[in-house]
Amino acid sequence: MSTPNTGAIAGYEWQFEELARFPNLIEGPAWDGSGLLFTEIAASRIHRYAPETGECTVFREDTNLANGMILDQGGQLFACEGGKDDDGRRIVRYDPGASAVVIVDHYEGNRLNSPNDLAIDAWGRIWFTDPRYSDDRHTMELDHESVFRADPTPDGSWHLHRVTFDTTRPNGLLISPDQNTLYVAQSDYGADRKRELRAYPINEEGSVGEYVVLLDFGPHRGIDGMVHDVHGNIIACAGWEQSGPGPMIYVFAPNGRVLQTHPVPVDRPTNCSWGGPDLSTLYVTTGTGHLLRAETEFRGLLHYPIV
């Protein structure tokens, strides 16, 4: 069997630089071509970090506890709003200077749980996870926590499909560069719960087949957010100080082989995104409110901008 070309360089130690610190957990990093957008969930606020000045400014407010974000091929910004009131629990598009445009907020007549993270495939379909991590579960209208796919239609509406029937509290997700695999972070809490990196084959019509477990994190904190590099490697945020090897950035080959691990100097890395002129800079958000940056030997893969 041939060895996949991972593009990894052994022995390169990443140095994480602290760029900013916030009082709340930060998430959802998305590079807009010259700066980094990220969410301060509890404050319902999106910030933008400008590398040329080193400053963070408020980009958007009143985001209904927005979490994961992504820019599509045209540079449009989409987000998961996880707020539990009537204005949250939805996938939205943020157009400049306008109110949020709702993509989807119901499935089979019931409100979504709390959309967490999202990915966009080559056909513009939005895949997203819909867990409920809060202990406050009395407002849940769905009896499952699944991955969904929203398909655009010619009239501008979106058709929502349930994709997984075997997930509990799915978190980060990715579509492989060849569009054939859905990677899902199954990241439940509790001693008898599963924390796994799963790979689901994507069928031609958009359903998925039986998953393969690429890594089982056992009793320790599993993956939160993750991104691809140009070789299809998975760069993932996982771990915490409470147990296991600690807060970490993992680099996985597409088949799940661990290529590198990079300890993070603060607790609970939540998500990451590429940035910089050649997309070799990794930006990391954390549960402790730290925004970090590291120069890497990898080149990132983003829908926008294309470098």
Foldseek 3Di string as FASTA:
>chain_A
DDDADPLDDPPDAWDKDFLDFDQFFKAAWEAQAAWIWIDRQVQQWIWIQGVVVSDIDTDDHPNQRWHHWAAALVSWIKTARFHLDPVHQFIWTDDPPDDTHTQDQDDPRFGFHGWAYWEADPQRKIKTWGAHPDPPCPSGPDPATFIKIWDADPVGHTDIDTADDPAHPKAAWYQFPVNFWIWIARWDADQPGWGFTWIWGADPVGHTDDIDTLDTPHNFGHWHYWFAFPSRWIWTWTGFPPDDPHTWTFTAHNSNHTDDIHHDPHGAWHYWAFDDPQRQKIWITGRRRTIIIIGHSTGGDGSPPDD
